[in-house]
Amino acid sequence: MIAQGFVINGDKVLMVKQYVQRGAVIWNFPGGGIEEGETPEQACKREVKEETGYDVKVNKLLYNNRNKYTYIVEIEDGEMFLNKRLEDNNDIIDVAWVSIDDKKKWDNFTLPILD
């Protein structure tokens, strides 16, 4: 199961550019696997912190499909920072605020959430 955070600031969304198992490079919401003993909300907070540097507060569940939980979250503290020393971040190329109107960056899994 996966938990991810949807963070919006004006017309921009916090995204990570990463390699995915199907071989593509995509922009995706920060998130990842739920560890044993974690709730989806706890995993969301941990993953957003690990991948972006931001501490977030989970506000509500936005979307749940095929064992993927997407939460609306808001930044409480921190600065944007991609920690490449974390082994789990080896698939991440970049972290950035991306325009919500830049539809060419969204894949078929992300786009339905934004529409």
PDB file of N, CA and C in Angstrom:
ATOM      1  N   MET A   1       0.840  -1.179   0.000  1.00  0.00           N
ATOM      2  CA  MET A   1       0.000   0.000   0.000  1.00  0.00           C
ATOM      3  C   MET A   1       0.886   1.244   0.000  1.00  0.00           C
ATOM      4  N   ILE A   2       0.355   2.291  -0.601  1.00  0.00           N
ATOM      5  CA  ILE A   2       1.095   3.539  -0.770  1.00  0.00           C
ATOM      6  C   ILE A   2       0.293   4.691  -0.184  1.00  0.00           C
ATOM      7  N   ALA A   3       0.998   5.646   0.422  1.00  0.00           N
ATOM      8  CA  ALA A   3       0.384   6.884   0.897  1.00  0.00           C
ATOM      9  C   ALA A   3       1.158   8.050   0.304  1.00  0.00           C
ATOM     10  N   GLN A   4       0.430   9.062  -0.150  1.00  0.00           N
ATOM     11  CA  GLN A   4       1.081  10.220  -0.751  1.00  0.00           C
ATOM     12  C   GLN A   4       0.359  11.495  -0.349  1.00  0.00           C
ATOM     13  N   GLY A   5       1.086  12.616  -0.454  1.00  0.00           N
ATOM     14  CA  GLY A   5       0.534  13.900  -0.050  1.00  0.00           C
ATOM     15  C   GLY A   5       0.332  14.834  -1.223  1.00  0.00           C
ATOM     16  N   PHE A   6      -0.821  15.474  -1.253  1.00  0.00           N
ATOM     17  CA  PHE A   6      -1.152  16.488  -2.256  1.00  0.00           C
ATOM     18  C   PHE A   6      -1.022  17.839  -1.568  1.00  0.00           C
ATOM     19  N   VAL A   7       0.005  18.608  -1.964  1.00  0.00           N
ATOM     20  CA  VAL A   7       0.278  19.914  -1.377  1.00  0.00           C
ATOM     21  C   VAL A   7       0.115  20.955  -2.467  1.00  0.00           C
ATOM     22  N   ILE A   8      -0.784  21.903  -2.265  1.00  0.00           N
ATOM     23  CA  ILE A   8      -1.013  22.943  -3.262  1.00  0.00           C
ATOM     24  C   ILE A   8      -0.692  24.299  -2.651  1.00  0.00           C
ATOM     25  N   ASN A   9      -0.082  25.149  -3.467  1.00  0.00           N
ATOM     26  CA  ASN A   9       0.252  26.511  -3.059  1.00  0.00           C
ATOM     27  C   ASN A   9      -0.087  27.424  -4.226  1.00  0.00           C
ATOM     28  N   GLY A  10      -1.244  28.081  -4.162  1.00  0.00           N
ATOM     29  CA  GLY A  10      -1.703  28.889  -5.287  1.00  0.00           C
ATOM     30  C   GLY A  10      -2.014  27.997  -6.466  1.00  0.00           C
ATOM     31  N   ASP A  11      -1.314  28.204  -7.584  1.00  0.00           N
ATOM     32  CA  ASP A  11      -1.536  27.383  -8.778  1.00  0.00           C
ATOM     33  C   ASP A  11      -0.432  26.348  -8.967  1.00  0.00           C
ATOM     34  N   LYS A  12       0.297  26.055  -7.905  1.00  0.00           N
ATOM     35  CA  LYS A  12       1.395  25.090  -7.999  1.00  0.00           C
ATOM     36  C   LYS A  12       1.181  23.929  -7.028  1.00  0.00           C
ATOM     37  N   VAL A  13       1.684  22.764  -7.441  1.00  0.00           N
ATOM     38  CA  VAL A  13       1.579  21.537  -6.657  1.00  0.00           C
ATOM     39  C   VAL A  13       2.994  21.037  -6.370  1.00  0.00           C
ATOM     40  N   LEU A  14       3.223  20.584  -5.146  1.00  0.00           N
ATOM     41  CA  LEU A  14       4.523  20.021  -4.783  1.00  0.00           C
ATOM     42  C   LEU A  14       4.640  18.622  -5.384  1.00  0.00           C
ATOM     43  N   MET A  15       5.675  18.420  -6.206  1.00  0.00           N
ATOM     44  CA  MET A  15       5.832  17.164  -6.930  1.00  0.00           C
ATOM     45  C   MET A  15       7.278  16.676  -6.850  1.00  0.00           C
ATOM     46  N   VAL A  16       7.435  15.366  -7.038  1.00  0.00           N
ATOM     47  CA  VAL A  16       8.764  14.775  -7.180  1.00  0.00           C
ATOM     48  C   VAL A  16       8.859  14.146  -8.570  1.00  0.00           C
ATOM     49  N   LYS A  17       9.994  14.348  -9.195  1.00  0.00           N
ATOM     50  CA  LYS A  17      10.269  13.727 -10.496  1.00  0.00           C
ATOM     51  C   LYS A  17      11.044  12.458 -10.205  1.00  0.00           C
ATOM     52  N   GLN A  18      10.509  11.314 -10.692  1.00  0.00           N
ATOM     53  CA  GLN A  18      11.130  10.056 -10.304  1.00  0.00           C
ATOM     54  C   GLN A  18      11.010   8.987 -11.376  1.00  0.00           C
ATOM     55  N   TYR A  19      11.910   8.014 -11.260  1.00  0.00           N
ATOM     56  CA  TYR A  19      11.817   6.805 -12.064  1.00  0.00           C
ATOM     57  C   TYR A  19      10.772   5.911 -11.415  1.00  0.00           C
ATOM     58  N   VAL A  20       9.917   5.272 -12.217  1.00  0.00           N
ATOM     59  CA  VAL A  20       8.919   4.347 -11.682  1.00  0.00           C
ATOM     60  C   VAL A  20       9.153   2.954 -12.252  1.00  0.00           C
ATOM     61  N   GLN A  21       8.537   1.953 -11.616  1.00  0.00           N
ATOM     62  CA  GLN A  21       8.776   0.549 -11.977  1.00  0.00           C
ATOM     63  C   GLN A  21       8.474   0.247 -13.430  1.00  0.00           C
ATOM     64  N   ARG A  22       7.508   0.940 -14.007  1.00  0.00           N
ATOM     65  CA  ARG A  22       7.167   0.646 -15.402  1.00  0.00           C
ATOM     66  C   ARG A  22       8.173   1.240 -16.386  1.00  0.00           C
ATOM     67  N   GLY A  23       9.272   1.834 -15.878  1.00  0.00           N
ATOM     68  CA  GLY A  23      10.354   2.297 -16.725  1.00  0.00           C
ATOM     69  C   GLY A  23      10.280   3.748 -17.135  1.00  0.00           C
ATOM     70  N   ALA A  24       9.245   4.441 -16.749  1.00  0.00           N
ATOM     71  CA  ALA A  24       9.070   5.835 -17.140  1.00  0.00           C
ATOM     72  C   ALA A  24       9.690   6.775 -16.106  1.00  0.00           C
ATOM     73  N   VAL A  25       9.856   8.026 -16.509  1.00  0.00           N
ATOM     74  CA  VAL A  25      10.208   9.108 -15.595  1.00  0.00           C
ATOM     75  C   VAL A  25       8.987  10.011 -15.540  1.00  0.00           C
ATOM     76  N   ILE A  26       8.441  10.197 -14.341  1.00  0.00           N
ATOM     77  CA  ILE A  26       7.203  10.966 -14.199  1.00  0.00           C
ATOM     78  C   ILE A  26       7.315  11.957 -13.045  1.00  0.00           C
ATOM     79  N   TRP A  27       6.407  12.927 -13.045  1.00  0.00           N
ATOM     80  CA  TRP A  27       6.195  13.790 -11.888  1.00  0.00           C
ATOM     81  C   TRP A  27       5.069  13.158 -11.090  1.00  0.00           C
ATOM     82  N   ASN A  28       5.265  13.040  -9.797  1.00  0.00           N
ATOM     83  CA  ASN A  28       4.288  12.384  -8.944  1.00  0.00           C
ATOM     84  C   ASN A  28       4.195  13.134  -7.624  1.00  0.00           C
ATOM     85  N   PHE A  29       3.115  12.893  -6.888  1.00  0.00           N
ATOM     86  CA  PHE A  29       3.005  13.448  -5.545  1.00  0.00           C
ATOM     87  C   PHE A  29       4.028  12.756  -4.651  1.00  0.00           C
ATOM     88  N   PRO A  30       4.619  13.463  -3.689  1.00  0.00           N
ATOM     89  CA  PRO A  30       5.540  12.803  -2.773  1.00  0.00           C
ATOM     90  C   PRO A  30       4.820  11.739  -1.958  1.00  0.00           C
ATOM     91  N   GLY A  31       5.422  10.573  -1.871  1.00  0.00           N
ATOM     92  CA  GLY A  31       4.791   9.483  -1.133  1.00  0.00           C
ATOM     93  C   GLY A  31       5.528   8.186  -1.353  1.00  0.00           C
ATOM     94  N   GLY A  32       5.032   7.138  -0.709  1.00  0.00           N
ATOM     95  CA  GLY A  32       5.667   5.841  -0.853  1.00  0.00           C
ATOM     96  C   GLY A  32       4.985   4.794   0.001  1.00  0.00           C
ATOM     97  N   GLY A  33       5.687   3.709   0.208  1.00  0.00           N
ATOM     98  CA  GLY A  33       5.127   2.554   0.880  1.00  0.00           C
ATOM     99  C   GLY A  33       4.806   2.777   2.350  1.00  0.00           C
ATOM    100  N   ILE A  34       3.734   2.132   2.777  1.00  0.00           N
ATOM    101  CA  ILE A  34       3.328   2.166   4.177  1.00  0.00           C
ATOM    102  C   ILE A  34       4.084   1.049   4.897  1.00  0.00           C
ATOM    103  N   GLU A  35       4.833   1.418   5.924  1.00  0.00           N
ATOM    104  CA  GLU A  35       5.631   0.441   6.660  1.00  0.00           C
ATOM    105  C   GLU A  35       4.778  -0.274   7.700  1.00  0.00           C
ATOM    106  N   GLU A  36       5.242  -1.452   8.103  1.00  0.00           N
ATOM    107  CA  GLU A  36       4.524  -2.237   9.105  1.00  0.00           C
ATOM    108  C   GLU A  36       4.329  -1.410  10.378  1.00  0.00           C
ATOM    109  N   GLY A  37       3.099  -1.399  10.881  1.00  0.00           N
ATOM    110  CA  GLY A  37       2.771  -0.660  12.092  1.00  0.00           C
ATOM    111  C   GLY A  37       2.382   0.786  11.863  1.00  0.00           C
ATOM    112  N   GLU A  38       2.518   1.282  10.635  1.00  0.00           N
ATOM    113  CA  GLU A  38       2.156   2.659  10.309  1.00  0.00           C
ATOM    114  C   GLU A  38       0.726   2.741   9.811  1.00  0.00           C
ATOM    115  N   THR A  39       0.077   3.844  10.110  1.00  0.00           N
ATOM    116  CA  THR A  39      -1.198   4.142   9.466  1.00  0.00           C
ATOM    117  C   THR A  39      -0.880   4.817   8.135  1.00  0.00           C
ATOM    118  N   PRO A  40      -1.831   4.847   7.203  1.00  0.00           N
ATOM    119  CA  PRO A  40      -1.590   5.578   5.960  1.00  0.00           C
ATOM    120  C   PRO A  40      -1.250   7.055   6.200  1.00  0.00           C
ATOM    121  N   GLU A  41      -1.887   7.676   7.188  1.00  0.00           N
ATOM    122  CA  GLU A  41      -1.614   9.080   7.497  1.00  0.00           C
ATOM    123  C   GLU A  41      -0.173   9.271   7.982  1.00  0.00           C
ATOM    124  N   GLN A  42       0.292   8.381   8.849  1.00  0.00           N
ATOM    125  CA  GLN A  42       1.673   8.461   9.340  1.00  0.00           C
ATOM    126  C   GLN A  42       2.664   8.265   8.201  1.00  0.00           C
ATOM    127  N   ALA A  43       2.378   7.320   7.329  1.00  0.00           N
ATOM    128  CA  ALA A  43       3.258   7.070   6.181  1.00  0.00           C
ATOM    129  C   ALA A  43       3.308   8.282   5.265  1.00  0.00           C
ATOM    130  N   CYS A  44       2.173   8.917   5.052  1.00  0.00           N
ATOM    131  CA  CYS A  44       2.117  10.110   4.208  1.00  0.00           C
ATOM    132  C   CYS A  44       3.037  11.194   4.768  1.00  0.00           C
ATOM    133  N   LYS A  45       2.919  11.471   6.051  1.00  0.00           N
ATOM    134  CA  LYS A  45       3.750  12.501   6.685  1.00  0.00           C
ATOM    135  C   LYS A  45       5.234  12.158   6.577  1.00  0.00           C
ATOM    136  N   ARG A  46       5.583  10.900   6.844  1.00  0.00           N
ATOM    137  CA  ARG A  46       6.980  10.472   6.781  1.00  0.00           C
ATOM    138  C   ARG A  46       7.531  10.587   5.369  1.00  0.00           C
ATOM    139  N   GLU A  47       6.766  10.096   4.405  1.00  0.00           N
ATOM    140  CA  GLU A  47       7.229  10.106   3.015  1.00  0.00           C
ATOM    141  C   GLU A  47       7.397  11.525   2.477  1.00  0.00           C
ATOM    142  N   VAL A  48       6.450  12.406   2.770  1.00  0.00           N
ATOM    143  CA  VAL A  48       6.581  13.794   2.310  1.00  0.00           C
ATOM    144  C   VAL A  48       7.838  14.416   2.911  1.00  0.00           C
ATOM    145  N   LYS A  49       8.081  14.177   4.183  1.00  0.00           N
ATOM    146  CA  LYS A  49       9.286  14.707   4.847  1.00  0.00           C
ATOM    147  C   LYS A  49      10.548  14.152   4.196  1.00  0.00           C
ATOM    148  N   GLU A  50      10.601  12.836   3.983  1.00  0.00           N
ATOM    149  CA  GLU A  50      11.794  12.215   3.410  1.00  0.00           C
ATOM    150  C   GLU A  50      12.076  12.707   1.996  1.00  0.00           C
ATOM    151  N   GLU A  51      11.036  12.916   1.209  1.00  0.00           N
ATOM    152  CA  GLU A  51      11.218  13.237  -0.207  1.00  0.00           C
ATOM    153  C   GLU A  51      11.310  14.729  -0.497  1.00  0.00           C
ATOM    154  N   THR A  52      10.784  15.577   0.395  1.00  0.00           N
ATOM    155  CA  THR A  52      10.743  17.014   0.091  1.00  0.00           C
ATOM    156  C   THR A  52      11.382  17.898   1.151  1.00  0.00           C
ATOM    157  N   GLY A  53      11.559  17.392   2.372  1.00  0.00           N
ATOM    158  CA  GLY A  53      12.083  18.205   3.458  1.00  0.00           C
ATOM    159  C   GLY A  53      11.020  18.902   4.282  1.00  0.00           C
ATOM    160  N   TYR A  54       9.768  18.832   3.852  1.00  0.00           N
ATOM    161  CA  TYR A  54       8.688  19.531   4.549  1.00  0.00           C
ATOM    162  C   TYR A  54       8.002  18.640   5.583  1.00  0.00           C
ATOM    163  N   ASP A  55       7.728  19.228   6.756  1.00  0.00           N
ATOM    164  CA  ASP A  55       6.843  18.605   7.738  1.00  0.00           C
ATOM    165  C   ASP A  55       5.429  19.031   7.380  1.00  0.00           C
ATOM    166  N   VAL A  56       4.516  18.071   7.306  1.00  0.00           N
ATOM    167  CA  VAL A  56       3.151  18.393   6.896  1.00  0.00           C
ATOM    168  C   VAL A  56       2.126  17.892   7.904  1.00  0.00           C
ATOM    169  N   LYS A  57       0.969  18.496   7.823  1.00  0.00           N
ATOM    170  CA  LYS A  57      -0.204  18.082   8.595  1.00  0.00           C
ATOM    171  C   LYS A  57      -1.193  17.481   7.610  1.00  0.00           C
ATOM    172  N   VAL A  58      -1.704  16.297   7.921  1.00  0.00           N
ATOM    173  CA  VAL A  58      -2.696  15.646   7.066  1.00  0.00           C
ATOM    174  C   VAL A  58      -4.062  16.250   7.367  1.00  0.00           C
ATOM    175  N   ASN A  59      -4.709  16.786   6.327  1.00  0.00           N
ATOM    176  CA  ASN A  59      -6.027  17.398   6.507  1.00  0.00           C
ATOM    177  C   ASN A  59      -7.166  16.429   6.244  1.00  0.00           C
ATOM    178  N   LYS A  60      -7.142  15.779   5.059  1.00  0.00           N
ATOM    179  CA  LYS A  60      -8.212  14.825   4.764  1.00  0.00           C
ATOM    180  C   LYS A  60      -7.816  13.925   3.608  1.00  0.00           C
ATOM    181  N   LEU A  61      -8.509  12.795   3.520  1.00  0.00           N
ATOM    182  CA  LEU A  61      -8.297  11.863   2.418  1.00  0.00           C
ATOM    183  C   LEU A  61      -8.927  12.443   1.161  1.00  0.00           C
ATOM    184  N   LEU A  62      -8.127  12.582   0.114  1.00  0.00           N
ATOM    185  CA  LEU A  62      -8.601  13.120  -1.157  1.00  0.00           C
ATOM    186  C   LEU A  62      -9.047  12.008  -2.088  1.00  0.00           C
ATOM    187  N   TYR A  63      -8.304  10.910  -2.104  1.00  0.00           N
ATOM    188  CA  TYR A  63      -8.516   9.873  -3.112  1.00  0.00           C
ATOM    189  C   TYR A  63      -7.973   8.553  -2.576  1.00  0.00           C
ATOM    190  N   ASN A  64      -8.692   7.470  -2.825  1.00  0.00           N
ATOM    191  CA  ASN A  64      -8.232   6.139  -2.440  1.00  0.00           C
ATOM    192  C   ASN A  64      -8.594   5.189  -3.569  1.00  0.00           C
ATOM    193  N   ASN A  65      -7.569   4.617  -4.195  1.00  0.00           N
ATOM    194  CA  ASN A  65      -7.793   3.713  -5.315  1.00  0.00           C
ATOM    195  C   ASN A  65      -6.680   2.674  -5.355  1.00  0.00           C
ATOM    196  N   ARG A  66      -7.058   1.427  -5.417  1.00  0.00           N
ATOM    197  CA  ARG A  66      -6.094   0.327  -5.540  1.00  0.00           C
ATOM    198  C   ARG A  66      -4.956   0.420  -4.523  1.00  0.00           C
ATOM    199  N   ASN A  67      -5.317   0.540  -3.267  1.00  0.00           N
ATOM    200  CA  ASN A  67      -4.334   0.584  -2.180  1.00  0.00           C
ATOM    201  C   ASN A  67      -3.400   1.786  -2.232  1.00  0.00           C
ATOM    202  N   LYS A  68      -3.832   2.872  -2.870  1.00  0.00           N
ATOM    203  CA  LYS A  68      -3.073   4.117  -2.866  1.00  0.00           C
ATOM    204  C   LYS A  68      -3.928   5.180  -2.187  1.00  0.00           C
ATOM    205  N   TYR A  69      -3.417   5.714  -1.087  1.00  0.00           N
ATOM    206  CA  TYR A  69      -4.109   6.757  -0.336  1.00  0.00           C
ATOM    207  C   TYR A  69      -3.479   8.103  -0.675  1.00  0.00           C
ATOM    208  N   THR A  70      -4.278   9.047  -1.151  1.00  0.00           N
ATOM    209  CA  THR A  70      -3.796  10.389  -1.444  1.00  0.00           C
ATOM    210  C   THR A  70      -4.478  11.358  -0.489  1.00  0.00           C
ATOM    211  N   TYR A  71      -3.666  12.058   0.294  1.00  0.00           N
ATOM    212  CA  TYR A  71      -4.181  12.983   1.300  1.00  0.00           C
ATOM    213  C   TYR A  71      -3.896  14.427   0.913  1.00  0.00           C
ATOM    214  N   ILE A  72      -4.833  15.312   1.230  1.00  0.00           N
ATOM    215  CA  ILE A  72      -4.572  16.741   1.165  1.00  0.00           C
ATOM    216  C   ILE A  72      -3.790  17.082   2.424  1.00  0.00           C
ATOM    217  N   VAL A  73      -2.616  17.659   2.239  1.00  0.00           N
ATOM    218  CA  VAL A  73      -1.772  18.012   3.375  1.00  0.00           C
ATOM    219  C   VAL A  73      -1.349  19.470   3.262  1.00  0.00           C
ATOM    220  N   GLU A  74      -0.963  20.051   4.393  1.00  0.00           N
ATOM    221  CA  GLU A  74      -0.440  21.414   4.368  1.00  0.00           C
ATOM    222  C   GLU A  74       0.906  21.446   5.069  1.00  0.00           C
ATOM    223  N   ILE A  75       1.772  22.307   4.579  1.00  0.00           N
ATOM    224  CA  ILE A  75       3.114  22.434   5.134  1.00  0.00           C
ATOM    225  C   ILE A  75       3.040  23.137   6.484  1.00  0.00           C
ATOM    226  N   GLU A  76       3.689  22.529   7.472  1.00  0.00           N
ATOM    227  CA  GLU A  76       3.776  23.135   8.802  1.00  0.00           C
ATOM    228  C   GLU A  76       5.158  23.736   9.056  1.00  0.00           C
ATOM    229  N   ASP A  77       6.197  23.108   8.490  1.00  0.00           N
ATOM    230  CA  ASP A  77       7.561  23.546   8.760  1.00  0.00           C
ATOM    231  C   ASP A  77       8.498  22.923   7.726  1.00  0.00           C
ATOM    232  N   GLY A  78       9.725  23.396   7.724  1.00  0.00           N
ATOM    233  CA  GLY A  78      10.753  22.810   6.876  1.00  0.00           C
ATOM    234  C   GLY A  78      11.044  23.633   5.638  1.00  0.00           C
ATOM    235  N   GLU A  79      12.027  23.175   4.898  1.00  0.00           N
ATOM    236  CA  GLU A  79      12.428  23.791   3.636  1.00  0.00           C
ATOM    237  C   GLU A  79      12.568  22.697   2.590  1.00  0.00           C
ATOM    238  N   MET A  80      12.320  23.071   1.333  1.00  0.00           N
ATOM    239  CA  MET A  80      12.430  22.092   0.261  1.00  0.00           C
ATOM    240  C   MET A  80      13.863  21.565   0.198  1.00  0.00           C
ATOM    241  N   PHE A  81      13.976  20.245   0.291  1.00  0.00           N
ATOM    242  CA  PHE A  81      15.286  19.603   0.294  1.00  0.00           C
ATOM    243  C   PHE A  81      15.114  18.143  -0.089  1.00  0.00           C
ATOM    244  N   LEU A  82      15.838  17.705  -1.098  1.00  0.00           N
ATOM    245  CA  LEU A  82      15.829  16.303  -1.506  1.00  0.00           C
ATOM    246  C   LEU A  82      17.050  15.620  -0.900  1.00  0.00           C
ATOM    247  N   ASN A  83      16.817  14.748   0.058  1.00  0.00           N
ATOM    248  CA  ASN A  83      17.897  14.049   0.747  1.00  0.00           C
ATOM    249  C   ASN A  83      18.311  12.825  -0.068  1.00  0.00           C
ATOM    250  N   LYS A  84      19.337  12.981  -0.888  1.00  0.00           N
ATOM    251  CA  LYS A  84      19.805  11.886  -1.745  1.00  0.00           C
ATOM    252  C   LYS A  84      20.598  10.835  -0.966  1.00  0.00           C
ATOM    253  N   ARG A  85      20.887  11.098   0.309  1.00  0.00           N
ATOM    254  CA  ARG A  85      21.591  10.103   1.116  1.00  0.00           C
ATOM    255  C   ARG A  85      20.657   8.993   1.583  1.00  0.00           C
ATOM    256  N   LEU A  86      19.353   9.243   1.538  1.00  0.00           N
ATOM    257  CA  LEU A  86      18.393   8.198   1.886  1.00  0.00           C
ATOM    258  C   LEU A  86      18.281   7.218   0.727  1.00  0.00           C
ATOM    259  N   GLU A  87      18.513   5.960   0.999  1.00  0.00           N
ATOM    260  CA  GLU A  87      18.456   4.937  -0.053  1.00  0.00           C
ATOM    261  C   GLU A  87      17.098   4.923  -0.750  1.00  0.00           C
ATOM    262  N   ASP A  88      16.027   5.153   0.008  1.00  0.00           N
ATOM    263  CA  ASP A  88      14.682   5.145  -0.574  1.00  0.00           C
ATOM    264  C   ASP A  88      14.463   6.279  -1.567  1.00  0.00           C
ATOM    265  N   ASN A  89      15.343   7.270  -1.588  1.00  0.00           N
ATOM    266  CA  ASN A  89      15.200   8.396  -2.516  1.00  0.00           C
ATOM    267  C   ASN A  89      16.025   8.224  -3.786  1.00  0.00           C
ATOM    268  N   ASN A  90      16.624   7.063  -3.999  1.00  0.00           N
ATOM    269  CA  ASN A  90      17.458   6.846  -5.182  1.00  0.00           C
ATOM    270  C   ASN A  90      16.692   6.992  -6.486  1.00  0.00           C
ATOM    271  N   ASP A  91      15.376   6.777  -6.455  1.00  0.00           N
ATOM    272  CA  ASP A  91      14.570   6.879  -7.670  1.00  0.00           C
ATOM    273  C   ASP A  91      14.122   8.309  -7.953  1.00  0.00           C
ATOM    274  N   ILE A  92      14.382   9.228  -7.040  1.00  0.00           N
ATOM    275  CA  ILE A  92      13.914  10.607  -7.200  1.00  0.00           C
ATOM    276  C   ILE A  92      14.993  11.459  -7.851  1.00  0.00           C
ATOM    277  N   ILE A  93      14.594  12.192  -8.883  1.00  0.00           N
ATOM    278  CA  ILE A  93      15.502  13.044  -9.637  1.00  0.00           C
ATOM    279  C   ILE A  93      15.441  14.482  -9.149  1.00  0.00           C
ATOM    280  N   ASP A  94      14.223  14.945  -8.808  1.00  0.00           N
ATOM    281  CA  ASP A  94      14.033  16.352  -8.464  1.00  0.00           C
ATOM    282  C   ASP A  94      12.776  16.506  -7.621  1.00  0.00           C
ATOM    283  N   VAL A  95      12.694  17.600  -6.893  1.00  0.00           N
ATOM    284  CA  VAL A  95      11.484  17.994  -6.177  1.00  0.00           C
ATOM    285  C   VAL A  95      11.244  19.462  -6.524  1.00  0.00           C
ATOM    286  N   ALA A  96       9.984  19.811  -6.835  1.00  0.00           N
ATOM    287  CA  ALA A  96       9.700  21.168  -7.291  1.00  0.00           C
ATOM    288  C   ALA A  96       8.224  21.502  -7.129  1.00  0.00           C
ATOM    289  N   TRP A  97       7.954  22.806  -7.161  1.00  0.00           N
ATOM    290  CA  TRP A  97       6.581  23.293  -7.257  1.00  0.00           C
ATOM    291  C   TRP A  97       6.257  23.370  -8.745  1.00  0.00           C
ATOM    292  N   VAL A  98       5.265  22.618  -9.187  1.00  0.00           N
ATOM    293  CA  VAL A  98       4.921  22.499 -10.607  1.00  0.00           C
ATOM    294  C   VAL A  98       3.540  23.102 -10.836  1.00  0.00           C
ATOM    295  N   SER A  99       3.392  23.859 -11.912  1.00  0.00           N
ATOM    296  CA  SER A  99       2.106  24.482 -12.233  1.00  0.00           C
ATOM    297  C   SER A  99       1.028  23.426 -12.431  1.00  0.00           C
ATOM    298  N   ILE A 100      -0.107  23.640 -11.804  1.00  0.00           N
ATOM    299  CA  ILE A 100      -1.228  22.703 -11.923  1.00  0.00           C
ATOM    300  C   ILE A 100      -1.758  22.657 -13.358  1.00  0.00           C
ATOM    301  N   ASP A 101      -1.484  23.701 -14.137  1.00  0.00           N
ATOM    302  CA  ASP A 101      -1.944  23.754 -15.528  1.00  0.00           C
ATOM    303  C   ASP A 101      -0.998  23.050 -16.496  1.00  0.00           C
ATOM    304  N   ASP A 102       0.145  22.611 -16.035  1.00  0.00           N
ATOM    305  CA  ASP A 102       1.137  21.967 -16.897  1.00  0.00           C
ATOM    306  C   ASP A 102       0.804  20.485 -17.056  1.00  0.00           C
ATOM    307  N   LYS A 103      -0.297  20.195 -17.759  1.00  0.00           N
ATOM    308  CA  LYS A 103      -0.852  18.838 -17.869  1.00  0.00           C
ATOM    309  C   LYS A 103       0.109  17.835 -18.504  1.00  0.00           C
ATOM    310  N   LYS A 104       1.057  18.285 -19.305  1.00  0.00           N
ATOM    311  CA  LYS A 104       1.971  17.339 -19.952  1.00  0.00           C
ATOM    312  C   LYS A 104       2.877  16.630 -18.941  1.00  0.00           C
ATOM    313  N   LYS A 105       2.982  17.174 -17.742  1.00  0.00           N
ATOM    314  CA  LYS A 105       3.815  16.544 -16.716  1.00  0.00           C
ATOM    315  C   LYS A 105       3.076  15.461 -15.951  1.00  0.00           C
ATOM    316  N   TRP A 106       1.760  15.415 -16.055  1.00  0.00           N
ATOM    317  CA  TRP A 106       0.986  14.449 -15.271  1.00  0.00           C
ATOM    318  C   TRP A 106       0.829  13.139 -16.039  1.00  0.00           C
ATOM    319  N   ASP A 107       0.967  12.023 -15.346  1.00  0.00           N
ATOM    320  CA  ASP A 107       0.738  10.731 -15.982  1.00  0.00           C
ATOM    321  C   ASP A 107      -0.711  10.300 -15.768  1.00  0.00           C
ATOM    322  N   ASN A 108      -1.074   9.127 -16.268  1.00  0.00           N
ATOM    323  CA  ASN A 108      -2.463   8.653 -16.204  1.00  0.00           C
ATOM    324  C   ASN A 108      -2.928   8.340 -14.790  1.00  0.00           C
ATOM    325  N   PHE A 109      -2.005   8.189 -13.853  1.00  0.00           N
ATOM    326  CA  PHE A 109      -2.380   7.916 -12.466  1.00  0.00           C
ATOM    327  C   PHE A 109      -2.594   9.210 -11.679  1.00  0.00           C
ATOM    328  N   THR A 110      -1.864  10.262 -12.045  1.00  0.00           N
ATOM    329  CA  THR A 110      -1.934  11.538 -11.332  1.00  0.00           C
ATOM    330  C   THR A 110      -3.024  12.444 -11.885  1.00  0.00           C
ATOM    331  N   LEU A 111      -3.187  12.473 -13.187  1.00  0.00           N
ATOM    332  CA  LEU A 111      -4.122  13.396 -13.834  1.00  0.00           C
ATOM    333  C   LEU A 111      -5.552  13.299 -13.318  1.00  0.00           C
ATOM    334  N   PRO A 112      -6.128  12.108 -13.105  1.00  0.00           N
ATOM    335  CA  PRO A 112      -7.515  12.060 -12.610  1.00  0.00           C
ATOM    336  C   PRO A 112      -7.706  12.749 -11.260  1.00  0.00           C
ATOM    337  N   ILE A 113      -6.694  12.769 -10.428  1.00  0.00           N
ATOM    338  CA  ILE A 113      -6.791  13.427  -9.127  1.00  0.00           C
ATOM    339  C   ILE A 113      -6.832  14.936  -9.302  1.00  0.00           C
ATOM    340  N   LEU A 114      -6.100  15.445 -10.295  1.00  0.00           N
ATOM    341  CA  LEU A 114      -6.036  16.885 -10.519  1.00  0.00           C
ATOM    342  C   LEU A 114      -7.254  17.424 -11.247  1.00  0.00           C
ATOM    343  N   ASP A 115      -7.935  16.575 -11.996  1.00  0.00           N
ATOM    344  CA  ASP A 115      -9.098  17.042 -12.773  1.00  0.00           C
ATOM    345  C   ASP A 115     -10.326  17.162 -11.958  1.00  0.00           C
TER     346      ASP A 115
END
